[in-house]
Amino acid sequence: MLKSVYIIIGIDLRSKKDVLGLYISETEGANFWLSVLTDLQNRGVEDILITSVDGLKGFPTVFK
């Protein structure tokens, strides 16, 4: 069974880059992205200014 690894990278206002998380999933969808964003929020991420998601199907529905 194939799985995908999603790497979440954050860049702060001083242009410092940090890997915020590595997430493994067999499928991607709204529930997966909701769990990723909830995890990031629980770990202190307060705001997302720009996202680059390369057409991921489930990502936009999380923000509606």
PDB file of N, CA and C in Angstrom:
ATOM      1  N   MET A   1       0.847  -1.177   0.000  1.00  0.00           N
ATOM      2  CA  MET A   1       0.000   0.000   0.000  1.00  0.00           C
ATOM      3  C   MET A   1       0.896   1.244   0.000  1.00  0.00           C
ATOM      4  N   LEU A   2       0.626   2.170  -0.885  1.00  0.00           N
ATOM      5  CA  LEU A   2       1.398   3.403  -0.977  1.00  0.00           C
ATOM      6  C   LEU A   2       0.919   4.418   0.035  1.00  0.00           C
ATOM      7  N   LYS A   3       1.855   5.165   0.571  1.00  0.00           N
ATOM      8  CA  LYS A   3       1.542   6.258   1.484  1.00  0.00           C
ATOM      9  C   LYS A   3       2.275   7.500   1.017  1.00  0.00           C
ATOM     10  N   SER A   4       1.737   8.639   1.371  1.00  0.00           N
ATOM     11  CA  SER A   4       2.370   9.914   1.041  1.00  0.00           C
ATOM     12  C   SER A   4       2.871  10.571   2.317  1.00  0.00           C
ATOM     13  N   VAL A   5       3.966  11.301   2.177  1.00  0.00           N
ATOM     14  CA  VAL A   5       4.498  12.085   3.286  1.00  0.00           C
ATOM     15  C   VAL A   5       4.338  13.556   2.925  1.00  0.00           C
ATOM     16  N   TYR A   6       3.718  14.298   3.796  1.00  0.00           N
ATOM     17  CA  TYR A   6       3.511  15.727   3.604  1.00  0.00           C
ATOM     18  C   TYR A   6       4.434  16.461   4.561  1.00  0.00           C
ATOM     19  N   ILE A   7       5.239  17.379   4.043  1.00  0.00           N
ATOM     20  CA  ILE A   7       6.174  18.154   4.847  1.00  0.00           C
ATOM     21  C   ILE A   7       5.605  19.558   4.986  1.00  0.00           C
ATOM     22  N   ILE A   8       5.402  19.977   6.221  1.00  0.00           N
ATOM     23  CA  ILE A   8       4.870  21.314   6.487  1.00  0.00           C
ATOM     24  C   ILE A   8       6.048  22.196   6.899  1.00  0.00           C
ATOM     25  N   ILE A   9       6.289  23.252   6.120  1.00  0.00           N
ATOM     26  CA  ILE A   9       7.391  24.169   6.380  1.00  0.00           C
ATOM     27  C   ILE A   9       6.808  25.536   6.704  1.00  0.00           C
ATOM     28  N   GLY A  10       7.319  26.150   7.750  1.00  0.00           N
ATOM     29  CA  GLY A  10       6.901  27.497   8.129  1.00  0.00           C
ATOM     30  C   GLY A  10       8.043  28.467   7.914  1.00  0.00           C
ATOM     31  N   ILE A  11       7.713  29.685   7.514  1.00  0.00           N
ATOM     32  CA  ILE A  11       8.695  30.757   7.362  1.00  0.00           C
ATOM     33  C   ILE A  11       8.188  31.928   8.192  1.00  0.00           C
ATOM     34  N   ASP A  12       9.011  32.370   9.153  1.00  0.00           N
ATOM     35  CA  ASP A  12       8.568  33.464  10.020  1.00  0.00           C
ATOM     36  C   ASP A  12       8.860  34.817   9.372  1.00  0.00           C
ATOM     37  N   LEU A  13       8.532  35.889  10.088  1.00  0.00           N
ATOM     38  CA  LEU A  13       8.684  37.235   9.533  1.00  0.00           C
ATOM     39  C   LEU A  13      10.135  37.624   9.300  1.00  0.00           C
ATOM     40  N   ARG A  14      11.070  36.907   9.900  1.00  0.00           N
ATOM     41  CA  ARG A  14      12.492  37.158   9.688  1.00  0.00           C
ATOM     42  C   ARG A  14      13.073  36.230   8.621  1.00  0.00           C
ATOM     43  N   SER A  15      12.210  35.542   7.880  1.00  0.00           N
ATOM     44  CA  SER A  15      12.570  34.600   6.814  1.00  0.00           C
ATOM     45  C   SER A  15      13.267  33.342   7.318  1.00  0.00           C
ATOM     46  N   LYS A  16      13.100  33.014   8.594  1.00  0.00           N
ATOM     47  CA  LYS A  16      13.653  31.779   9.142  1.00  0.00           C
ATOM     48  C   LYS A  16      12.702  30.639   8.804  1.00  0.00           C
ATOM     49  N   LYS A  17      13.261  29.562   8.239  1.00  0.00           N
ATOM     50  CA  LYS A  17      12.459  28.406   7.850  1.00  0.00           C
ATOM     51  C   LYS A  17      12.548  27.327   8.928  1.00  0.00           C
ATOM     52  N   ASP A  18      11.421  26.687   9.209  1.00  0.00           N
ATOM     53  CA  ASP A  18      11.354  25.581  10.152  1.00  0.00           C
ATOM     54  C   ASP A  18      10.450  24.500   9.592  1.00  0.00           C
ATOM     55  N   VAL A  19      10.839  23.257   9.776  1.00  0.00           N
ATOM     56  CA  VAL A  19       9.942  22.146   9.457  1.00  0.00           C
ATOM     57  C   VAL A  19       8.990  22.013  10.642  1.00  0.00           C
ATOM     58  N   LEU A  20       7.717  22.244  10.402  1.00  0.00           N
ATOM     59  CA  LEU A  20       6.714  22.195  11.461  1.00  0.00           C
ATOM     60  C   LEU A  20       6.160  20.802  11.671  1.00  0.00           C
ATOM     61  N   GLY A  21       6.283  19.963  10.659  1.00  0.00           N
ATOM     62  CA  GLY A  21       5.782  18.608  10.828  1.00  0.00           C
ATOM     63  C   GLY A  21       5.922  17.773   9.576  1.00  0.00           C
ATOM     64  N   LEU A  22       5.958  16.472   9.796  1.00  0.00           N
ATOM     65  CA  LEU A  22       5.897  15.479   8.727  1.00  0.00           C
ATOM     66  C   LEU A  22       4.666  14.635   9.001  1.00  0.00           C
ATOM     67  N   TYR A  23       3.792  14.526   8.030  1.00  0.00           N
ATOM     68  CA  TYR A  23       2.537  13.805   8.209  1.00  0.00           C
ATOM     69  C   TYR A  23       2.425  12.735   7.139  1.00  0.00           C
ATOM     70  N   ILE A  24       2.092  11.526   7.542  1.00  0.00           N
ATOM     71  CA  ILE A  24       1.982  10.389   6.639  1.00  0.00           C
ATOM     72  C   ILE A  24       0.515  10.002   6.513  1.00  0.00           C
ATOM     73  N   SER A  25       0.087   9.765   5.267  1.00  0.00           N
ATOM     74  CA  SER A  25      -1.307   9.410   5.045  1.00  0.00           C
ATOM     75  C   SER A  25      -1.429   8.515   3.813  1.00  0.00           C
ATOM     76  N   GLU A  26      -2.391   7.606   3.851  1.00  0.00           N
ATOM     77  CA  GLU A  26      -2.692   6.789   2.679  1.00  0.00           C
ATOM     78  C   GLU A  26      -3.568   7.553   1.696  1.00  0.00           C
ATOM     79  N   THR A  27      -4.387   8.453   2.202  1.00  0.00           N
ATOM     80  CA  THR A  27      -5.239   9.282   1.356  1.00  0.00           C
ATOM     81  C   THR A  27      -5.226  10.702   1.901  1.00  0.00           C
ATOM     82  N   GLU A  28      -5.506  11.658   1.032  1.00  0.00           N
ATOM     83  CA  GLU A  28      -5.620  13.036   1.520  1.00  0.00           C
ATOM     84  C   GLU A  28      -7.039  13.516   1.266  1.00  0.00           C
ATOM     85  N   GLY A  29      -7.535  14.244   2.205  1.00  0.00           N
ATOM     86  CA  GLY A  29      -8.885  14.774   2.103  1.00  0.00           C
ATOM     87  C   GLY A  29      -9.099  15.795   3.198  1.00  0.00           C
ATOM     88  N   ALA A  30     -10.308  16.283   3.301  1.00  0.00           N
ATOM     89  CA  ALA A  30     -10.613  17.330   4.277  1.00  0.00           C
ATOM     90  C   ALA A  30     -10.329  16.874   5.705  1.00  0.00           C
ATOM     91  N   ASN A  31     -10.668  15.632   6.055  1.00  0.00           N
ATOM     92  CA  ASN A  31     -10.426  15.156   7.422  1.00  0.00           C
ATOM     93  C   ASN A  31      -8.940  15.103   7.738  1.00  0.00           C
ATOM     94  N   PHE A  32      -8.124  14.663   6.781  1.00  0.00           N
ATOM     95  CA  PHE A  32      -6.673  14.626   6.983  1.00  0.00           C
ATOM     96  C   PHE A  32      -6.148  16.033   7.220  1.00  0.00           C
ATOM     97  N   TRP A  33      -6.526  16.979   6.359  1.00  0.00           N
ATOM     98  CA  TRP A  33      -6.003  18.339   6.501  1.00  0.00           C
ATOM     99  C   TRP A  33      -6.530  19.018   7.755  1.00  0.00           C
ATOM    100  N   LEU A  34      -7.742  18.717   8.149  1.00  0.00           N
ATOM    101  CA  LEU A  34      -8.258  19.268   9.404  1.00  0.00           C
ATOM    102  C   LEU A  34      -7.425  18.761  10.579  1.00  0.00           C
ATOM    103  N   SER A  35      -7.042  17.488  10.567  1.00  0.00           N
ATOM    104  CA  SER A  35      -6.217  16.958  11.661  1.00  0.00           C
ATOM    105  C   SER A  35      -4.823  17.581  11.655  1.00  0.00           C
ATOM    106  N   VAL A  36      -4.258  17.824  10.477  1.00  0.00           N
ATOM    107  CA  VAL A  36      -2.944  18.465  10.381  1.00  0.00           C
ATOM    108  C   VAL A  36      -3.008  19.886  10.932  1.00  0.00           C
ATOM    109  N   LEU A  37      -3.988  20.660  10.481  1.00  0.00           N
ATOM    110  CA  LEU A  37      -4.102  22.047  10.933  1.00  0.00           C
ATOM    111  C   LEU A  37      -4.441  22.132  12.415  1.00  0.00           C
ATOM    112  N   THR A  38      -5.244  21.217  12.915  1.00  0.00           N
ATOM    113  CA  THR A  38      -5.554  21.183  14.351  1.00  0.00           C
ATOM    114  C   THR A  38      -4.289  20.890  15.151  1.00  0.00           C
ATOM    115  N   ASP A  39      -3.486  19.948  14.673  1.00  0.00           N
ATOM    116  CA  ASP A  39      -2.226  19.631  15.344  1.00  0.00           C
ATOM    117  C   ASP A  39      -1.302  20.845  15.365  1.00  0.00           C
ATOM    118  N   LEU A  40      -1.163  21.534  14.246  1.00  0.00           N
ATOM    119  CA  LEU A  40      -0.318  22.721  14.192  1.00  0.00           C
ATOM    120  C   LEU A  40      -0.819  23.807  15.143  1.00  0.00           C
ATOM    121  N   GLN A  41      -2.126  23.991  15.192  1.00  0.00           N
ATOM    122  CA  GLN A  41      -2.706  24.983  16.091  1.00  0.00           C
ATOM    123  C   GLN A  41      -2.442  24.607  17.546  1.00  0.00           C
ATOM    124  N   ASN A  42      -2.596  23.342  17.884  1.00  0.00           N
ATOM    125  CA  ASN A  42      -2.345  22.889  19.254  1.00  0.00           C
ATOM    126  C   ASN A  42      -0.878  23.049  19.651  1.00  0.00           C
ATOM    127  N   ARG A  43       0.007  23.074  18.666  1.00  0.00           N
ATOM    128  CA  ARG A  43       1.427  23.240  18.947  1.00  0.00           C
ATOM    129  C   ARG A  43       1.884  24.686  18.836  1.00  0.00           C
ATOM    130  N   GLY A  44       0.948  25.625  18.649  1.00  0.00           N
ATOM    131  CA  GLY A  44       1.280  27.042  18.747  1.00  0.00           C
ATOM    132  C   GLY A  44       1.215  27.867  17.481  1.00  0.00           C
ATOM    133  N   VAL A  45       0.906  27.278  16.323  1.00  0.00           N
ATOM    134  CA  VAL A  45       0.763  28.075  15.106  1.00  0.00           C
ATOM    135  C   VAL A  45      -0.500  28.922  15.254  1.00  0.00           C
ATOM    136  N   GLU A  46      -0.349  30.228  15.091  1.00  0.00           N
ATOM    137  CA  GLU A  46      -1.478  31.139  15.294  1.00  0.00           C
ATOM    138  C   GLU A  46      -2.083  31.661  14.002  1.00  0.00           C
ATOM    139  N   ASP A  47      -1.298  31.696  12.916  1.00  0.00           N
ATOM    140  CA  ASP A  47      -1.808  32.307  11.697  1.00  0.00           C
ATOM    141  C   ASP A  47      -1.106  31.685  10.491  1.00  0.00           C
ATOM    142  N   ILE A  48      -1.843  31.557   9.399  1.00  0.00           N
ATOM    143  CA  ILE A  48      -1.278  31.110   8.134  1.00  0.00           C
ATOM    144  C   ILE A  48      -1.560  32.210   7.125  1.00  0.00           C
ATOM    145  N   LEU A  49      -0.496  32.796   6.603  1.00  0.00           N
ATOM    146  CA  LEU A  49      -0.657  33.896   5.653  1.00  0.00           C
ATOM    147  C   LEU A  49      -0.788  33.376   4.218  1.00  0.00           C
ATOM    148  N   ILE A  50       0.080  32.462   3.822  1.00  0.00           N
ATOM    149  CA  ILE A  50       0.092  31.941   2.456  1.00  0.00           C
ATOM    150  C   ILE A  50       0.261  30.425   2.528  1.00  0.00           C
ATOM    151  N   THR A  51      -0.462  29.709   1.679  1.00  0.00           N
ATOM    152  CA  THR A  51      -0.256  28.267   1.559  1.00  0.00           C
ATOM    153  C   THR A  51       0.079  27.937   0.108  1.00  0.00           C
ATOM    154  N   SER A  52       0.880  26.927  -0.065  1.00  0.00           N
ATOM    155  CA  SER A  52       1.183  26.394  -1.387  1.00  0.00           C
ATOM    156  C   SER A  52       0.871  24.908  -1.313  1.00  0.00           C
ATOM    157  N   VAL A  53      -0.247  24.506  -1.914  1.00  0.00           N
ATOM    158  CA  VAL A  53      -0.734  23.146  -1.715  1.00  0.00           C
ATOM    159  C   VAL A  53      -0.801  22.326  -2.994  1.00  0.00           C
ATOM    160  N   ASP A  54      -0.408  22.867  -4.119  1.00  0.00           N
ATOM    161  CA  ASP A  54      -0.291  22.111  -5.361  1.00  0.00           C
ATOM    162  C   ASP A  54      -1.570  21.346  -5.724  1.00  0.00           C
ATOM    163  N   GLY A  55      -2.708  22.001  -5.581  1.00  0.00           N
ATOM    164  CA  GLY A  55      -3.975  21.430  -6.024  1.00  0.00           C
ATOM    165  C   GLY A  55      -4.509  20.293  -5.177  1.00  0.00           C
ATOM    166  N   LEU A  56      -4.129  20.225  -3.916  1.00  0.00           N
ATOM    167  CA  LEU A  56      -4.640  19.159  -3.049  1.00  0.00           C
ATOM    168  C   LEU A  56      -6.142  19.314  -2.879  1.00  0.00           C
ATOM    169  N   LYS A  57      -6.872  18.245  -3.121  1.00  0.00           N
ATOM    170  CA  LYS A  57      -8.334  18.308  -3.170  1.00  0.00           C
ATOM    171  C   LYS A  57      -8.976  18.663  -1.840  1.00  0.00           C
ATOM    172  N   GLY A  58      -8.508  18.113  -0.744  1.00  0.00           N
ATOM    173  CA  GLY A  58      -9.180  18.304   0.529  1.00  0.00           C
ATOM    174  C   GLY A  58      -8.826  19.571   1.265  1.00  0.00           C
ATOM    175  N   PHE A  59      -7.736  20.228   0.877  1.00  0.00           N
ATOM    176  CA  PHE A  59      -7.256  21.383   1.639  1.00  0.00           C
ATOM    177  C   PHE A  59      -8.235  22.568   1.638  1.00  0.00           C
ATOM    178  N   PRO A  60      -8.749  23.011   0.486  1.00  0.00           N
ATOM    179  CA  PRO A  60      -9.628  24.179   0.493  1.00  0.00           C
ATOM    180  C   PRO A  60     -10.913  24.000   1.309  1.00  0.00           C
ATOM    181  N   THR A  61     -11.434  22.795   1.412  1.00  0.00           N
ATOM    182  CA  THR A  61     -12.682  22.598   2.142  1.00  0.00           C
ATOM    183  C   THR A  61     -12.508  22.755   3.652  1.00  0.00           C
ATOM    184  N   VAL A  62     -11.289  22.649   4.140  1.00  0.00           N
ATOM    185  CA  VAL A  62     -11.043  22.810   5.585  1.00  0.00           C
ATOM    186  C   VAL A  62     -11.318  24.241   6.010  1.00  0.00           C
ATOM    187  N   PHE A  63     -11.106  25.210   5.128  1.00  0.00           N
ATOM    188  CA  PHE A  63     -11.254  26.623   5.471  1.00  0.00           C
ATOM    189  C   PHE A  63     -12.663  27.160   5.250  1.00  0.00           C
ATOM    190  N   LYS A  64     -13.580  26.361   4.749  1.00  0.00           N
ATOM    191  CA  LYS A  64     -14.935  26.852   4.489  1.00  0.00           C
ATOM    192  C   LYS A  64     -15.784  26.784   5.715  1.00  0.00           C
TER     193      LYS A  64
END
